[in-house]
Amino acid sequence: MTTRRYYLFSYDIAVDNEGDKRRSKVFEALLARGDHIQFSVFICELNPRELAELQAILIDLLDHKKDQVLYIDLGHANNPIETGVETIGAPLQFSTRVLVV
């Protein structure tokens, strides 16, 4: 059984002629694999293969001199993510994801 982990992703895409295009592609790549929780922040539940695939996609999308994607390992997906994430203000709402095999 492959271990799934939660990752927090955040991106900062440069403002230039092609920045909006790159920003949209990065947004779509992350949205396809996780929950959009704030403007440029996502939480993704990934196994090692899915993480490597997402990294490869993001590597191809970014301008490596101007853009940045930050990601942080939040731990095993066996643990409810809600127990490790706190908010000030409005509560964070997670979507329900179902793994189809």
C-alpha atoms as a PDB file:
ATOM      1  CA  MET A   1       0.000   0.000   0.000  1.00  0.00           C
ATOM      2  CA  THR A   2       1.392   3.392  -1.000  1.00  0.00           C
ATOM      3  CA  THR A   3       1.535   6.028   1.682  1.00  0.00           C
ATOM      4  CA  ARG A   4      -0.473   9.148   0.928  1.00  0.00           C
ATOM      5  CA  ARG A   5       0.586  12.442   2.470  1.00  0.00           C
ATOM      6  CA  TYR A   6      -0.856  15.923   2.668  1.00  0.00           C
ATOM      7  CA  TYR A   7       1.117  18.754   1.059  1.00  0.00           C
ATOM      8  CA  LEU A   8       0.470  22.459   1.235  1.00  0.00           C
ATOM      9  CA  PHE A   9       1.304  24.182  -2.069  1.00  0.00           C
ATOM     10  CA  SER A  10       1.591  27.913  -2.611  1.00  0.00           C
ATOM     11  CA  TYR A  11       2.682  29.706  -5.759  1.00  0.00           C
ATOM     12  CA  ASP A  12       4.045  33.131  -6.633  1.00  0.00           C
ATOM     13  CA  ILE A  13       4.114  33.819 -10.362  1.00  0.00           C
ATOM     14  CA  ALA A  14       5.879  36.911 -11.734  1.00  0.00           C
ATOM     15  CA  VAL A  15       3.887  39.734 -13.263  1.00  0.00           C
ATOM     16  CA  ASP A  16       5.094  39.904 -16.867  1.00  0.00           C
ATOM     17  CA  ASN A  17       3.734  39.380 -20.390  1.00  0.00           C
ATOM     18  CA  GLU A  18       3.403  35.604 -19.950  1.00  0.00           C
ATOM     19  CA  GLY A  19       2.748  35.546 -16.176  1.00  0.00           C
ATOM     20  CA  ASP A  20      -1.042  35.337 -16.385  1.00  0.00           C
ATOM     21  CA  LYS A  21      -0.793  32.361 -18.719  1.00  0.00           C
ATOM     22  CA  ARG A  22       1.685  30.553 -16.427  1.00  0.00           C
ATOM     23  CA  ARG A  23      -0.389  31.436 -13.341  1.00  0.00           C
ATOM     24  CA  SER A  24      -3.532  29.941 -14.908  1.00  0.00           C
ATOM     25  CA  LYS A  25      -1.725  26.734 -15.855  1.00  0.00           C
ATOM     26  CA  VAL A  26      -0.204  26.360 -12.372  1.00  0.00           C
ATOM     27  CA  PHE A  27      -3.628  27.015 -10.814  1.00  0.00           C
ATOM     28  CA  GLU A  28      -5.266  24.358 -13.012  1.00  0.00           C
ATOM     29  CA  ALA A  29      -2.506  21.796 -12.316  1.00  0.00           C
ATOM     30  CA  LEU A  30      -2.931  22.222  -8.567  1.00  0.00           C
ATOM     31  CA  LEU A  31      -6.734  22.385  -8.689  1.00  0.00           C
ATOM     32  CA  ALA A  32      -6.803  19.050 -10.529  1.00  0.00           C
ATOM     33  CA  ARG A  33      -4.904  17.455  -7.625  1.00  0.00           C
ATOM     34  CA  GLY A  34      -6.054  19.238  -4.503  1.00  0.00           C
ATOM     35  CA  ASP A  35      -8.285  21.646  -2.618  1.00  0.00           C
ATOM     36  CA  HIS A  36      -8.034  25.354  -3.377  1.00  0.00           C
ATOM     37  CA  ILE A  37      -8.107  26.834   0.130  1.00  0.00           C
ATOM     38  CA  GLN A  38      -6.904  30.406  -0.449  1.00  0.00           C
ATOM     39  CA  PHE A  39      -5.921  32.649  -3.371  1.00  0.00           C
ATOM     40  CA  SER A  40      -2.695  30.820  -4.309  1.00  0.00           C
ATOM     41  CA  VAL A  41      -2.766  28.041  -1.708  1.00  0.00           C
ATOM     42  CA  PHE A  42      -3.790  24.408  -2.133  1.00  0.00           C
ATOM     43  CA  ILE A  43      -3.763  21.279   0.009  1.00  0.00           C
ATOM     44  CA  CYS A  44      -3.108  18.118  -1.986  1.00  0.00           C
ATOM     45  CA  GLU A  45      -3.260  14.504  -0.842  1.00  0.00           C
ATOM     46  CA  LEU A  46      -0.636  12.672  -2.889  1.00  0.00           C
ATOM     47  CA  ASN A  47       1.325   9.447  -2.985  1.00  0.00           C
ATOM     48  CA  PRO A  48       5.022   9.587  -3.986  1.00  0.00           C
ATOM     49  CA  ARG A  49       4.274   8.948  -7.685  1.00  0.00           C
ATOM     50  CA  GLU A  50       1.607  11.662  -7.813  1.00  0.00           C
ATOM     51  CA  LEU A  51       3.957  14.103  -6.076  1.00  0.00           C
ATOM     52  CA  ALA A  52       6.706  13.383  -8.613  1.00  0.00           C
ATOM     53  CA  GLU A  53       4.245  13.823 -11.511  1.00  0.00           C
ATOM     54  CA  LEU A  54       3.023  17.154 -10.108  1.00  0.00           C
ATOM     55  CA  GLN A  55       6.596  18.329  -9.569  1.00  0.00           C
ATOM     56  CA  ALA A  56       7.422  17.492 -13.205  1.00  0.00           C
ATOM     57  CA  ILE A  57       4.382  19.395 -14.455  1.00  0.00           C
ATOM     58  CA  LEU A  58       5.223  22.443 -12.352  1.00  0.00           C
ATOM     59  CA  ILE A  59       8.875  22.362 -13.446  1.00  0.00           C
ATOM     60  CA  ASP A  60       7.708  22.606 -17.054  1.00  0.00           C
ATOM     61  CA  LEU A  61       5.255  25.446 -16.349  1.00  0.00           C
ATOM     62  CA  LEU A  62       7.430  27.856 -14.363  1.00  0.00           C
ATOM     63  CA  ASP A  63       9.879  30.535 -15.364  1.00  0.00           C
ATOM     64  CA  HIS A  64      12.609  29.357 -12.993  1.00  0.00           C
ATOM     65  CA  LYS A  65      14.189  32.802 -12.688  1.00  0.00           C
ATOM     66  CA  LYS A  66      10.955  34.610 -11.791  1.00  0.00           C
ATOM     67  CA  ASP A  67       8.374  32.163 -10.401  1.00  0.00           C
ATOM     68  CA  GLN A  68       8.228  30.008  -7.294  1.00  0.00           C
ATOM     69  CA  VAL A  69       6.099  27.154  -6.003  1.00  0.00           C
ATOM     70  CA  LEU A  70       6.522  26.367  -2.328  1.00  0.00           C
ATOM     71  CA  TYR A  71       5.316  23.052  -0.952  1.00  0.00           C
ATOM     72  CA  ILE A  72       5.356  21.698   2.581  1.00  0.00           C
ATOM     73  CA  ASP A  73       4.814  18.115   3.715  1.00  0.00           C
ATOM     74  CA  LEU A  74       1.961  18.188   6.267  1.00  0.00           C
ATOM     75  CA  GLY A  75       2.170  14.504   7.157  1.00  0.00           C
ATOM     76  CA  HIS A  76       0.352  11.232   6.616  1.00  0.00           C
ATOM     77  CA  ALA A  77      -3.079  11.343   5.038  1.00  0.00           C
ATOM     78  CA  ASN A  78      -4.231   8.786   7.641  1.00  0.00           C
ATOM     79  CA  ASN A  79      -4.446  11.692  10.081  1.00  0.00           C
ATOM     80  CA  PRO A  80      -7.369  14.056   9.528  1.00  0.00           C
ATOM     81  CA  ILE A  81      -5.962  17.253   8.004  1.00  0.00           C
ATOM     82  CA  GLU A  82      -8.420  19.283  10.066  1.00  0.00           C
ATOM     83  CA  THR A  83      -6.519  18.383  13.239  1.00  0.00           C
ATOM     84  CA  GLY A  84      -3.305  19.990  11.996  1.00  0.00           C
ATOM     85  CA  VAL A  85      -4.669  23.140  10.325  1.00  0.00           C
ATOM     86  CA  GLU A  86      -5.978  26.103  12.275  1.00  0.00           C
ATOM     87  CA  THR A  87      -7.504  29.327  11.061  1.00  0.00           C
ATOM     88  CA  ILE A  88      -8.152  32.782  12.435  1.00  0.00           C
ATOM     89  CA  GLY A  89     -11.418  34.137  11.126  1.00  0.00           C
ATOM     90  CA  ALA A  90     -13.592  32.118   8.764  1.00  0.00           C
ATOM     91  CA  PRO A  91     -13.255  28.344   9.139  1.00  0.00           C
ATOM     92  CA  LEU A  92     -11.461  26.340   6.472  1.00  0.00           C
ATOM     93  CA  GLN A  93     -13.772  24.079   4.467  1.00  0.00           C
ATOM     94  CA  PHE A  94     -12.373  20.942   2.851  1.00  0.00           C
ATOM     95  CA  SER A  95     -14.077  19.154  -0.006  1.00  0.00           C
ATOM     96  CA  THR A  96     -14.764  15.449   0.288  1.00  0.00           C
ATOM     97  CA  ARG A  97     -12.573  13.432  -2.069  1.00  0.00           C
ATOM     98  CA  VAL A  98     -13.171   9.833  -3.011  1.00  0.00           C
ATOM     99  CA  LEU A  99     -10.436   7.586  -4.356  1.00  0.00           C
ATOM    100  CA  VAL A 100     -11.705   5.519  -7.275  1.00  0.00           C
ATOM    101  CA  VAL A 101      -9.694   2.422  -8.117  1.00  0.00           C
END
